[in-house]
Amino acid sequence: MADAIIGHIERMKASRDWTKDGGAYIPAPLVYIRNRRWEGAEDVKAAPVTADGQRWWQVAGFEHPGEAQNARCHIGNFREFRDGKRIAQEASA
């Protein structure tokens, strides 16, 4: 498991997801571990949602998955978000 975590961190250090805005989207270590972000990260990033190729985080109004994850948006609840913000009426439905 340690090799998977280290490998994922090395890939993310070189990606736009973690380097954008001076590293504003680098998760705190406890958040990273608690949410097991190294598991299936590439599969989640690649998952198309719409016919025009938008990904779940783009449909929710985020520029990349790290930004969405920081807002507690993920592939299971992305429909509760618009323009990068949670929609109260859809969240309670």
C-alpha atoms as a PDB file:
ATOM      1  CA  MET A   1       0.000   0.000   0.000  1.00  0.00           C
ATOM      2  CA  ALA A   2       2.841   2.415   0.776  1.00  0.00           C
ATOM      3  CA  ASP A   3       4.177   2.012  -2.776  1.00  0.00           C
ATOM      4  CA  ALA A   4       0.752   2.892  -4.209  1.00  0.00           C
ATOM      5  CA  ILE A   5       0.497   6.011  -2.031  1.00  0.00           C
ATOM      6  CA  ILE A   6       4.018   7.188  -2.837  1.00  0.00           C
ATOM      7  CA  GLY A   7       3.497   6.540  -6.553  1.00  0.00           C
ATOM      8  CA  HIS A   8       0.250   8.484  -6.578  1.00  0.00           C
ATOM      9  CA  ILE A   9       1.784  11.397  -4.672  1.00  0.00           C
ATOM     10  CA  GLU A  10       4.705  11.526  -7.118  1.00  0.00           C
ATOM     11  CA  ARG A  11       2.291  11.629 -10.094  1.00  0.00           C
ATOM     12  CA  MET A  12       0.146  14.285  -8.466  1.00  0.00           C
ATOM     13  CA  LYS A  13       3.143  16.481  -7.596  1.00  0.00           C
ATOM     14  CA  ALA A  14       3.847  16.734 -11.319  1.00  0.00           C
ATOM     15  CA  SER A  15       0.216  17.286 -12.343  1.00  0.00           C
ATOM     16  CA  ARG A  16      -1.803  20.455 -12.782  1.00  0.00           C
ATOM     17  CA  ASP A  17      -4.274  19.240 -10.156  1.00  0.00           C
ATOM     18  CA  TRP A  18      -1.918  19.886  -7.252  1.00  0.00           C
ATOM     19  CA  THR A  19       0.234  22.669  -8.684  1.00  0.00           C
ATOM     20  CA  LYS A  20      -2.567  25.048  -9.689  1.00  0.00           C
ATOM     21  CA  ASP A  21      -2.819  28.274  -7.668  1.00  0.00           C
ATOM     22  CA  GLY A  22       0.421  27.676  -5.798  1.00  0.00           C
ATOM     23  CA  GLY A  23      -0.651  24.285  -4.477  1.00  0.00           C
ATOM     24  CA  ALA A  24      -4.041  25.396  -3.125  1.00  0.00           C
ATOM     25  CA  TYR A  25      -5.569  22.020  -4.020  1.00  0.00           C
ATOM     26  CA  ILE A  26      -3.070  19.782  -2.264  1.00  0.00           C
ATOM     27  CA  PRO A  27      -5.119  17.886   0.319  1.00  0.00           C
ATOM     28  CA  ALA A  28      -4.103  17.871   3.961  1.00  0.00           C
ATOM     29  CA  PRO A  29      -2.326  14.587   4.823  1.00  0.00           C
ATOM     30  CA  LEU A  30      -5.115  13.329   7.100  1.00  0.00           C
ATOM     31  CA  VAL A  31      -7.761  14.133   4.466  1.00  0.00           C
ATOM     32  CA  TYR A  32      -5.717  12.371   1.794  1.00  0.00           C
ATOM     33  CA  ILE A  33      -5.349   9.243   3.932  1.00  0.00           C
ATOM     34  CA  ARG A  34      -8.895   9.223   5.367  1.00  0.00           C
ATOM     35  CA  ASN A  35     -10.420   9.566   1.879  1.00  0.00           C
ATOM     36  CA  ARG A  36      -7.967   7.049   0.388  1.00  0.00           C
ATOM     37  CA  ARG A  37      -7.411   9.364  -2.580  1.00  0.00           C
ATOM     38  CA  TRP A  38      -4.724   7.159  -4.107  1.00  0.00           C
ATOM     39  CA  GLU A  39      -7.285   4.405  -4.777  1.00  0.00           C
ATOM     40  CA  GLY A  40      -8.830   4.561  -8.220  1.00  0.00           C
ATOM     41  CA  ALA A  41      -7.844   8.193  -8.722  1.00  0.00           C
ATOM     42  CA  GLU A  42      -7.090   7.731 -12.414  1.00  0.00           C
ATOM     43  CA  ASP A  43     -10.355   5.840 -12.989  1.00  0.00           C
ATOM     44  CA  VAL A  44     -12.400   8.605 -11.342  1.00  0.00           C
ATOM     45  CA  LYS A  45     -10.601  11.320 -13.304  1.00  0.00           C
ATOM     46  CA  ALA A  46     -11.234   9.517 -16.590  1.00  0.00           C
ATOM     47  CA  ALA A  47     -14.919   8.739 -16.024  1.00  0.00           C
ATOM     48  CA  PRO A  48     -16.948  10.546 -18.715  1.00  0.00           C
ATOM     49  CA  VAL A  49     -20.373  11.799 -17.696  1.00  0.00           C
ATOM     50  CA  THR A  50     -21.886  13.517 -20.712  1.00  0.00           C
ATOM     51  CA  ALA A  51     -22.015  12.752 -24.397  1.00  0.00           C
ATOM     52  CA  ASP A  52     -19.805  15.764 -25.133  1.00  0.00           C
ATOM     53  CA  GLY A  53     -17.024  14.393 -22.940  1.00  0.00           C
ATOM     54  CA  GLN A  54     -17.474  16.464 -19.798  1.00  0.00           C
ATOM     55  CA  ARG A  55     -16.287  14.821 -16.607  1.00  0.00           C
ATOM     56  CA  TRP A  56     -18.260  14.739 -13.364  1.00  0.00           C
ATOM     57  CA  TRP A  57     -16.310  17.625 -11.832  1.00  0.00           C
ATOM     58  CA  GLN A  58     -16.814  19.755 -14.947  1.00  0.00           C
ATOM     59  CA  VAL A  59     -20.561  19.121 -14.867  1.00  0.00           C
ATOM     60  CA  ALA A  60     -20.528  20.263 -11.210  1.00  0.00           C
ATOM     61  CA  GLY A  61     -18.744  23.488 -12.213  1.00  0.00           C
ATOM     62  CA  PHE A  62     -15.159  22.794 -11.118  1.00  0.00           C
ATOM     63  CA  GLU A  63     -12.009  23.141 -13.206  1.00  0.00           C
ATOM     64  CA  HIS A  64     -10.397  19.914 -11.986  1.00  0.00           C
ATOM     65  CA  PRO A  65     -11.111  17.010  -9.604  1.00  0.00           C
ATOM     66  CA  GLY A  66      -8.863  18.324  -6.815  1.00  0.00           C
ATOM     67  CA  GLU A  67     -10.953  21.474  -6.603  1.00  0.00           C
ATOM     68  CA  ALA A  68     -14.135  19.381  -6.489  1.00  0.00           C
ATOM     69  CA  GLN A  69     -12.768  17.084  -3.789  1.00  0.00           C
ATOM     70  CA  ASN A  70     -11.844  20.064  -1.628  1.00  0.00           C
ATOM     71  CA  ALA A  71     -15.495  21.165  -1.845  1.00  0.00           C
ATOM     72  CA  ARG A  72     -16.595  17.616  -0.846  1.00  0.00           C
ATOM     73  CA  CYS A  73     -17.909  16.972  -4.335  1.00  0.00           C
ATOM     74  CA  HIS A  74     -17.272  13.518  -5.763  1.00  0.00           C
ATOM     75  CA  ILE A  75     -18.557  11.191  -8.433  1.00  0.00           C
ATOM     76  CA  GLY A  76     -21.369  10.036  -6.145  1.00  0.00           C
ATOM     77  CA  ASN A  77     -22.830  13.476  -5.362  1.00  0.00           C
ATOM     78  CA  PHE A  78     -21.714  15.745  -8.216  1.00  0.00           C
ATOM     79  CA  ARG A  79     -25.311  16.371  -9.295  1.00  0.00           C
ATOM     80  CA  GLU A  80     -25.822  18.296  -6.036  1.00  0.00           C
ATOM     81  CA  PHE A  81     -23.420  20.995  -7.337  1.00  0.00           C
ATOM     82  CA  ARG A  82     -23.722  23.790  -9.891  1.00  0.00           C
ATOM     83  CA  ASP A  83     -21.053  26.360 -10.717  1.00  0.00           C
ATOM     84  CA  GLY A  84     -18.801  24.867  -8.064  1.00  0.00           C
ATOM     85  CA  LYS A  85     -21.316  25.239  -5.239  1.00  0.00           C
ATOM     86  CA  ARG A  86     -23.727  22.844  -3.544  1.00  0.00           C
ATOM     87  CA  ILE A  87     -27.379  23.424  -4.445  1.00  0.00           C
ATOM     88  CA  ALA A  88     -29.464  23.270  -1.288  1.00  0.00           C
ATOM     89  CA  GLN A  89     -32.713  22.038  -2.872  1.00  0.00           C
ATOM     90  CA  GLU A  90     -31.023  19.147  -4.717  1.00  0.00           C
ATOM     91  CA  ALA A  91     -28.933  18.196  -1.720  1.00  0.00           C
ATOM     92  CA  SER A  92     -32.056  17.609   0.376  1.00  0.00           C
ATOM     93  CA  ALA A  93     -34.041  15.810  -2.360  1.00  0.00           C
END
